[in-house]
Amino acid sequence: MIRYLSWEKTITTCTLACLISFSFSYPRNSLADTLVVFNWEDYLSDEVIARWEKKSGHKIKQIYYDGNENRDSVLVAIGNDTTEIDILIADETATPSFGTIGTLLSVNAYESTPNIHLVDKKWDKVCGAYGVPYLWGTLGVAYRSDKVTSAPTSWDILFNPPPLLSGHIGWLDESIDTLAPALFLANNDINTRDPDTLRAAFEKTKRALPHILTFQYSLSYLDSSVRQISKPAEKELYLAMSYSGDQDSLNEQSGTDLWQYTTLDEGTISWVDCLAVLKNSSRKALAFDFINFLYQPENAAQNSLDAYTATPMSQAKSLQPIDFQNDSTVYPGDTLDRSQPYLPMDNATAVLRRRITSTLEKLHESK
C-alpha cells in the first residue's frame, strides 16, 4: 500500500495499481499543452507558475507525493515507459539513481536552458548527471510557539519531552530520517551501514513511541483532506521532525503564525533537492522552457522565497529581502559545520532500514 497521489492533494490510500490507473488515465487531450510536475506539496511558487503560464500560454499541473517511498514506487512503476510526468523534483541521492536506470534525461540534453548555469559552482556535482540543484536546506524540528516557549536545542526533546508534548510529536517515516535523531544523539553517522548501530538506534527510537502522535509527514497530517473531523490535526500536533521551510507551510495550512523551525545542537542533515526531466516525457520542449524561466534570477528568488527554502543561486539570493537572506532557518551559516549529507545506500542497508521503520510504525499503530 502507498498513499494515493492526486493532481492537487494527497487524499487517501490505495494500491499502486490504483494510483497509476488514476494518474495516467487523465485525458491526454487535456494534457497536450499542460506541463506535469511530480513534487512535494507547497514546493513550487504559485506566483512563478502564474508568470510562466501567462508568458507561455501553457498550464502546469502538479502531482504531490509526501514521502520518498511512495515517490519511488511511482517512478519504478513508470520505468522506461511513456509517461505523462514531465519534471521530477527529488533529492540528491534519488536523482542519480533514477537517471542511471534510464528514467531521467541527462542534463547534457538541456541545451535550451542556459540559465541553469547561473547555479553557484559549489553545487555543480550534487545532483550528478541527471538533474540540476533546485533548493536546499536542513533537517530539524518545527514547533508551535504557544506550546513550546523556547526553541529546542537537543534531539533529546523527542525522546524525553516535557509532559505537555508527550503524545503530540510528529516523526518522519523515511529510511534515513527516522533513525537520524537517535544516531545524532549517539554521535554516529546518519548514513551508517553497520547493523548493530542501526539496531541500537531502533531500540532507542522504540522507547520514544509513547510520545509520538504520528509518523505521517507533518504537512500531510495537517492537510484538510486528511484531518479527522472529530479530532482536528492542528490541535494535536505540537512539535514535529521537519525540513527547513516546512514551518511556513504549516502556518499557512493552520491559518496561524505559531509554527517555528530550528536545528539541534547535535547536528543536522544538509539536503539538496534536484530538478530533472523524465526521459520519456512527451513535452520536453515545454519542460526546458519552464526550467529556463524558473532559473532566471528574479524567478528563482521568488520561488525560493515562496517555498521559504534556500536557493543555490547567489544572483537570486541577492534579490531577496534582507531579512530573508539573514534568516538562519533558511541560510543556516555555521549550522552547516555540524551537518551531514545524504549518501546512497546499498540494497542490504536499505532493506534493513525499511524493515526497521515499518516495525516502528506497526508498533506505534498497535498502541
Protein backbone atom coordinates (compact mmCIF):
# COMPACT_ATOMS: atom_id res chain seq x y z
CA MET A 1 0.00 0.00 0.00
CA ILE A 2 1.11 3.54 -0.73
CA ARG A 3 -0.51 6.92 -0.37
CA TYR A 4 -2.74 7.99 -3.22
CA LEU A 5 -1.32 10.91 -5.17
CA SER A 6 -3.86 13.28 -6.71
CA TRP A 7 -3.37 16.11 -9.13
CA GLU A 8 -3.69 18.66 -6.35
CA LYS A 9 -3.71 16.90 -2.96
CA THR A 10 -2.58 13.73 -1.25
CA ILE A 11 -6.01 12.49 -0.27
CA THR A 12 -6.29 8.84 0.71
CA THR A 13 -4.70 5.43 0.20
CA CYS A 14 -4.91 2.79 -2.46
CA THR A 15 -2.77 0.19 -4.16
CA LEU A 16 -0.04 1.18 -6.58
CA ALA A 17 -2.16 -0.10 -9.46
CA CYS A 18 -4.98 2.22 -8.37
CA LEU A 19 -2.61 5.19 -8.26
CA ILE A 20 -1.11 4.54 -11.66
CA SER A 21 -4.54 3.94 -13.19
CA PHE A 22 -5.82 7.27 -11.84
CA SER A 23 -2.79 9.41 -12.52
CA PHE A 24 -2.18 8.32 -16.07
CA SER A 25 -5.73 7.90 -17.25
CA TYR A 26 -6.13 11.67 -17.06
CA PRO A 27 -7.44 12.65 -20.54
CA ARG A 28 -4.48 13.00 -22.88
CA ASN A 29 -6.05 15.80 -24.90
CA SER A 30 -6.33 17.88 -21.73
CA LEU A 31 -2.60 17.39 -21.08
CA ALA A 32 -1.29 18.26 -24.53
CA ASP A 33 -0.47 21.83 -23.52
CA THR A 34 0.00 21.10 -19.80
CA LEU A 35 3.33 20.52 -18.08
CA VAL A 36 3.12 17.92 -15.29
CA VAL A 37 5.44 18.20 -12.27
CA PHE A 38 5.93 15.41 -9.68
CA ASN A 39 6.76 17.26 -6.48
CA TRP A 40 6.40 17.79 -2.75
CA GLU A 41 3.40 19.92 -1.78
CA ASP A 42 3.92 23.70 -1.44
CA TYR A 43 7.30 23.43 -3.12
CA LEU A 44 6.82 25.40 -6.32
CA SER A 45 5.79 29.04 -6.25
CA ASP A 46 2.24 29.80 -7.37
CA GLU A 47 3.48 33.23 -8.40
CA VAL A 48 6.21 31.81 -10.65
CA ILE A 49 3.77 29.29 -12.12
CA ALA A 50 1.34 32.12 -12.92
CA ARG A 51 4.12 34.16 -14.54
CA TRP A 52 5.15 31.26 -16.79
CA GLU A 53 1.58 30.34 -17.69
CA LYS A 54 0.89 33.93 -18.71
CA LYS A 55 4.11 34.16 -20.73
CA SER A 56 3.90 30.76 -22.40
CA GLY A 57 0.16 30.21 -22.76
CA HIS A 58 0.57 26.72 -21.24
CA LYS A 59 -0.55 25.25 -17.91
CA ILE A 60 1.20 23.44 -15.08
CA LYS A 61 -0.32 20.58 -13.09
CA GLN A 62 1.37 19.02 -10.07
CA ILE A 63 1.17 15.51 -8.64
CA TYR A 64 2.20 15.58 -4.98
CA TYR A 65 4.00 12.89 -3.02
CA ASP A 66 4.56 13.01 0.74
CA GLY A 67 7.42 10.54 1.16
CA ASN A 68 10.35 9.06 -0.70
CA GLU A 69 8.93 5.56 -0.68
CA ASN A 70 5.69 6.40 -2.48
CA ARG A 71 7.58 8.66 -4.89
CA ASP A 72 9.95 5.82 -5.72
CA SER A 73 7.10 3.36 -6.14
CA VAL A 74 5.54 5.57 -8.80
CA LEU A 75 8.85 6.05 -10.63
CA VAL A 76 9.62 2.34 -10.55
CA ALA A 77 6.14 1.57 -11.90
CA ILE A 78 6.69 4.07 -14.70
CA GLY A 79 10.06 2.55 -15.56
CA ASN A 80 11.08 3.50 -19.07
CA ASP A 81 7.55 3.54 -20.47
CA THR A 82 5.99 6.67 -21.90
CA THR A 83 4.78 8.81 -19.02
CA GLU A 84 2.62 11.86 -18.54
CA ILE A 85 5.06 13.20 -15.91
CA ASP A 86 7.47 15.73 -17.37
CA ILE A 87 9.50 17.10 -14.44
CA LEU A 88 10.59 15.43 -11.21
CA ILE A 89 11.78 17.22 -8.07
CA ALA A 90 13.67 14.77 -5.84
CA ASP A 91 16.66 14.55 -3.51
CA GLU A 92 20.31 14.31 -4.44
CA THR A 93 20.54 10.52 -3.98
CA ALA A 94 17.33 9.52 -5.79
CA THR A 95 18.01 11.70 -8.83
CA PRO A 96 21.28 10.00 -9.92
CA SER A 97 19.79 6.58 -9.13
CA PHE A 98 16.78 7.04 -11.37
CA GLY A 99 18.95 8.63 -14.01
CA THR A 100 21.24 5.62 -14.07
CA ILE A 101 18.36 3.20 -14.72
CA GLY A 102 17.08 5.30 -17.60
CA THR A 103 14.12 7.15 -16.07
CA LEU A 104 15.63 10.64 -16.36
CA LEU A 105 17.16 12.63 -19.18
CA SER A 106 20.84 13.56 -18.99
CA VAL A 107 21.46 17.25 -18.32
CA ASN A 108 23.66 17.21 -21.43
CA ALA A 109 20.37 17.43 -23.32
CA TYR A 110 19.35 20.68 -21.58
CA GLU A 111 20.81 22.79 -24.38
CA SER A 112 17.95 25.29 -24.36
CA THR A 113 18.27 26.06 -20.64
CA PRO A 114 21.31 28.37 -20.32
CA ASN A 115 20.03 29.82 -17.04
CA ILE A 116 20.83 26.60 -15.16
CA HIS A 117 24.48 27.63 -15.45
CA LEU A 118 23.75 30.52 -13.07
CA VAL A 119 23.67 27.99 -10.19
CA ASP A 120 26.69 28.51 -7.94
CA LYS A 121 29.63 26.32 -8.91
CA LYS A 122 29.84 24.66 -5.48
CA TRP A 123 26.57 22.85 -6.27
CA ASP A 124 27.70 21.58 -9.70
CA LYS A 125 28.19 17.91 -8.83
CA VAL A 126 25.50 17.46 -6.19
CA CYS A 127 22.73 16.19 -8.48
CA GLY A 128 25.00 14.17 -10.75
CA ALA A 129 24.45 13.89 -14.49
CA TYR A 130 20.65 13.77 -14.45
CA GLY A 131 19.44 16.83 -12.55
CA VAL A 132 20.17 20.41 -11.54
CA PRO A 133 20.13 21.83 -7.98
CA TYR A 134 16.71 23.24 -7.14
CA LEU A 135 16.55 24.20 -3.44
CA TRP A 136 18.49 23.18 -0.34
CA GLY A 137 18.06 23.13 3.42
CA THR A 138 18.38 21.30 6.72
CA LEU A 139 16.61 18.81 9.00
CA GLY A 140 15.37 19.88 12.42
CA VAL A 141 12.11 20.33 14.27
CA ALA A 142 9.12 22.58 13.71
CA TYR A 143 7.29 23.56 16.86
CA ARG A 144 4.27 25.55 17.97
CA SER A 145 5.46 28.60 19.88
CA ASP A 146 2.32 28.58 22.04
CA LYS A 147 3.19 25.08 23.27
CA VAL A 148 7.00 25.25 23.24
CA THR A 149 8.05 28.55 24.75
CA SER A 150 11.73 28.43 23.76
CA ALA A 151 13.41 26.86 20.76
CA PRO A 152 14.51 23.24 21.43
CA THR A 153 18.27 22.77 21.45
CA SER A 154 18.65 18.98 21.52
CA TRP A 155 17.22 15.99 19.68
CA ASP A 156 16.62 14.60 23.16
CA ILE A 157 13.32 16.51 23.28
CA LEU A 158 11.86 13.79 21.03
CA PHE A 159 12.81 11.07 23.49
CA ASN A 160 12.30 12.85 26.81
CA PRO A 161 9.72 15.55 26.13
CA PRO A 162 8.01 17.56 28.87
CA PRO A 163 4.58 16.13 29.77
CA LEU A 164 2.79 18.76 27.66
CA LEU A 165 4.46 17.47 24.46
CA SER A 166 4.12 13.75 25.10
CA GLY A 167 1.72 12.27 22.57
CA HIS A 168 1.88 15.38 20.39
CA ILE A 169 5.11 14.74 18.47
CA GLY A 170 5.39 14.06 14.76
CA TRP A 171 8.13 11.79 13.42
CA LEU A 172 9.30 11.25 9.84
CA ASP A 173 8.84 7.95 8.03
CA GLU A 174 11.97 7.88 5.88
CA SER A 175 14.77 5.35 5.68
CA ILE A 176 17.45 7.76 6.93
CA ASP A 177 15.45 10.46 8.73
CA THR A 178 13.55 8.08 11.03
CA LEU A 179 16.70 6.98 12.84
CA ALA A 180 18.61 10.25 12.50
CA PRO A 181 17.69 11.67 15.95
CA ALA A 182 18.95 8.54 17.75
CA LEU A 183 22.08 8.46 15.60
CA PHE A 184 22.80 12.15 16.19
CA LEU A 185 22.48 11.71 19.95
CA ALA A 186 24.93 8.79 19.83
CA ASN A 187 27.33 10.83 17.68
CA ASN A 188 27.02 8.31 14.84
CA ASP A 189 26.99 8.68 11.07
CA ILE A 190 23.36 9.12 9.91
CA ASN A 191 24.22 7.10 6.78
CA THR A 192 25.73 4.21 8.77
CA ARG A 193 25.55 0.72 7.26
CA ASP A 194 26.52 -1.04 10.49
CA PRO A 195 23.64 -3.36 11.52
CA ASP A 196 24.47 -3.17 15.23
CA THR A 197 24.46 0.64 15.17
CA LEU A 198 21.15 0.64 13.32
CA ARG A 199 19.61 -1.83 15.76
CA ALA A 200 20.74 0.32 18.70
CA ALA A 201 19.10 3.34 17.05
CA PHE A 202 15.95 1.27 16.54
CA GLU A 203 15.84 0.32 20.23
CA LYS A 204 16.25 3.94 21.29
CA THR A 205 13.59 5.15 18.86
CA LYS A 206 11.24 2.39 20.03
CA ARG A 207 11.39 3.87 23.52
CA ALA A 208 10.11 7.16 22.10
CA LEU A 209 6.94 5.58 20.67
CA PRO A 210 4.67 6.54 23.64
CA HIS A 211 5.41 10.20 22.87
CA ILE A 212 4.71 10.00 19.12
CA LEU A 213 1.40 11.19 17.68
CA THR A 214 2.08 10.30 14.04
CA PHE A 215 4.71 9.11 11.58
CA GLN A 216 2.93 10.98 8.78
CA TYR A 217 4.72 13.94 7.24
CA SER A 218 3.52 16.99 9.15
CA LEU A 219 2.23 18.87 6.09
CA SER A 220 0.13 15.89 5.06
CA TYR A 221 -1.06 15.36 8.62
CA LEU A 222 -2.36 18.90 8.86
CA ASP A 223 -3.78 18.98 5.35
CA SER A 224 -7.54 19.48 5.42
CA SER A 225 -8.10 16.46 3.21
CA VAL A 226 -6.68 14.06 5.79
CA ARG A 227 -7.88 15.68 9.03
CA GLN A 228 -10.13 13.74 11.33
CA ILE A 229 -13.22 15.88 11.75
CA SER A 230 -13.70 14.78 15.35
CA LYS A 231 -10.07 15.46 16.25
CA PRO A 232 -8.63 18.35 14.24
CA ALA A 233 -5.00 17.69 13.49
CA GLU A 234 -3.81 21.25 14.08
CA LYS A 235 -4.91 20.97 17.70
CA GLU A 236 -2.95 17.76 18.31
CA LEU A 237 0.46 18.28 16.70
CA TYR A 238 2.78 20.47 18.77
CA LEU A 239 6.26 19.54 17.55
CA ALA A 240 7.47 17.56 14.51
CA MET A 241 10.63 16.44 12.79
CA SER A 242 10.70 18.74 9.77
CA TYR A 243 12.69 20.15 6.91
CA SER A 244 13.57 23.83 6.80
CA GLY A 245 10.73 25.71 5.16
CA ASP A 246 8.02 23.38 6.50
CA GLN A 247 7.13 25.88 9.21
CA ASP A 248 5.92 28.34 6.60
CA SER A 249 3.59 25.76 5.02
CA LEU A 250 2.39 24.63 8.46
CA ASN A 251 1.45 28.19 9.32
CA GLU A 252 -0.36 28.57 6.02
CA GLN A 253 -2.28 25.33 6.46
CA SER A 254 -3.24 26.03 10.07
CA GLY A 255 -4.02 29.70 9.49
CA THR A 256 -1.61 30.81 12.23
CA ASP A 257 1.88 32.21 12.64
CA LEU A 258 2.70 29.92 15.56
CA TRP A 259 4.99 27.42 13.83
CA GLN A 260 8.74 27.98 14.13
CA TYR A 261 11.72 25.92 12.98
CA THR A 262 15.13 25.18 14.45
CA THR A 263 18.05 22.83 14.04
CA LEU A 264 19.50 20.99 17.05
CA ASP A 265 22.93 21.14 18.69
CA GLU A 266 23.95 17.53 17.97
CA GLY A 267 23.68 18.05 14.23
CA THR A 268 21.51 18.30 11.15
CA ILE A 269 21.20 16.83 7.69
CA SER A 270 22.06 19.20 4.85
CA TRP A 271 19.98 18.22 1.84
CA VAL A 272 19.65 19.32 -1.75
CA ASP A 273 16.66 18.72 -3.97
CA CYS A 274 17.18 18.41 -7.69
CA LEU A 275 15.06 19.15 -10.73
CA ALA A 276 15.05 16.60 -13.55
CA VAL A 277 13.23 15.91 -16.82
CA LEU A 278 11.70 12.48 -17.42
CA LYS A 279 13.43 10.76 -20.33
CA ASN A 280 10.16 9.76 -21.98
CA SER A 281 8.29 12.99 -21.37
CA SER A 282 6.20 13.91 -24.38
CA ARG A 283 6.64 17.62 -23.65
CA LYS A 284 10.40 18.09 -23.33
CA ALA A 285 10.38 21.44 -25.16
CA LEU A 286 7.83 22.79 -22.67
CA ALA A 287 9.85 21.39 -19.78
CA PHE A 288 13.03 23.09 -20.98
CA ASP A 289 11.21 26.39 -21.47
CA PHE A 290 9.84 26.27 -17.93
CA ILE A 291 13.19 25.28 -16.40
CA ASN A 292 14.99 28.14 -18.15
CA PHE A 293 12.26 30.51 -16.92
CA LEU A 294 12.44 29.13 -13.36
CA TYR A 295 16.22 29.68 -13.24
CA GLN A 296 16.02 33.32 -14.23
CA PRO A 297 17.35 35.05 -11.07
CA GLU A 298 14.17 37.01 -10.34
CA ASN A 299 12.03 33.88 -10.68
CA ALA A 300 14.45 31.70 -8.72
CA ALA A 301 14.43 34.35 -5.98
CA GLN A 302 10.61 34.37 -5.84
CA ASN A 303 10.40 30.57 -5.90
CA SER A 304 12.86 30.27 -3.01
CA LEU A 305 11.04 32.98 -1.07
CA ASP A 306 7.63 31.36 -1.52
CA ALA A 307 8.95 27.91 -0.59
CA TYR A 308 10.78 29.53 2.36
CA THR A 309 13.81 27.49 1.35
CA ALA A 310 17.34 28.41 0.26
CA THR A 311 18.24 28.93 -3.39
CA PRO A 312 21.56 27.59 -4.75
CA MET A 313 21.91 30.78 -6.86
CA SER A 314 23.76 33.74 -5.34
CA GLN A 315 22.30 36.03 -8.01
CA ALA A 316 18.80 35.02 -6.89
CA LYS A 317 19.61 35.31 -3.18
CA SER A 318 20.85 38.87 -3.69
CA LEU A 319 17.38 39.84 -4.98
CA GLN A 320 15.60 38.60 -1.86
CA PRO A 321 14.62 40.76 1.13
CA ILE A 322 17.49 41.31 3.56
CA ASP A 323 15.60 39.77 6.47
CA PHE A 324 15.08 36.62 4.42
CA GLN A 325 18.75 36.48 3.42
CA ASN A 326 19.68 36.81 7.11
CA ASP A 327 17.16 34.22 8.34
CA SER A 328 19.28 31.41 9.80
CA THR A 329 16.44 28.89 9.36
CA VAL A 330 16.78 29.44 5.59
CA TYR A 331 20.50 30.18 5.14
CA PRO A 332 21.98 28.46 8.21
CA GLY A 333 25.59 29.59 8.10
CA ASP A 334 27.66 27.93 10.85
CA THR A 335 24.99 25.25 11.36
CA LEU A 336 26.35 23.53 8.25
CA ASP A 337 29.59 22.88 10.14
CA ARG A 338 27.75 20.19 12.11
CA SER A 339 25.70 18.84 9.23
CA GLN A 340 25.84 15.53 7.37
CA PRO A 341 24.68 14.96 3.77
CA TYR A 342 22.51 12.14 2.49
CA LEU A 343 24.56 9.37 0.87
CA PRO A 344 23.42 6.46 -1.34
CA MET A 345 22.60 3.18 0.43
CA ASP A 346 23.44 -0.36 -0.61
CA ASN A 347 20.49 -2.74 -1.00
CA ALA A 348 21.10 -4.65 2.24
CA THR A 349 21.13 -1.44 4.30
CA ALA A 350 18.03 -0.13 2.52
CA VAL A 351 16.15 -3.35 3.27
CA LEU A 352 17.19 -3.32 6.94
CA ARG A 353 16.26 0.34 7.37
CA ARG A 354 12.88 -0.18 5.69
CA ARG A 355 12.22 -3.15 7.97
CA ILE A 356 13.09 -1.02 11.00
CA THR A 357 10.84 1.88 10.01
CA SER A 358 7.96 -0.47 9.16
CA THR A 359 8.32 -2.19 12.53
CA LEU A 360 8.29 1.14 14.36
CA GLU A 361 5.12 2.18 12.56
CA LYS A 362 3.40 -1.13 13.31
CA LEU A 363 4.36 -0.90 16.98
CA HIS A 364 3.03 2.64 17.07
CA GLU A 365 -0.25 1.65 15.43
CA SER A 366 -0.69 -1.21 17.90
CA LYS A 367 -0.66 1.30 20.74
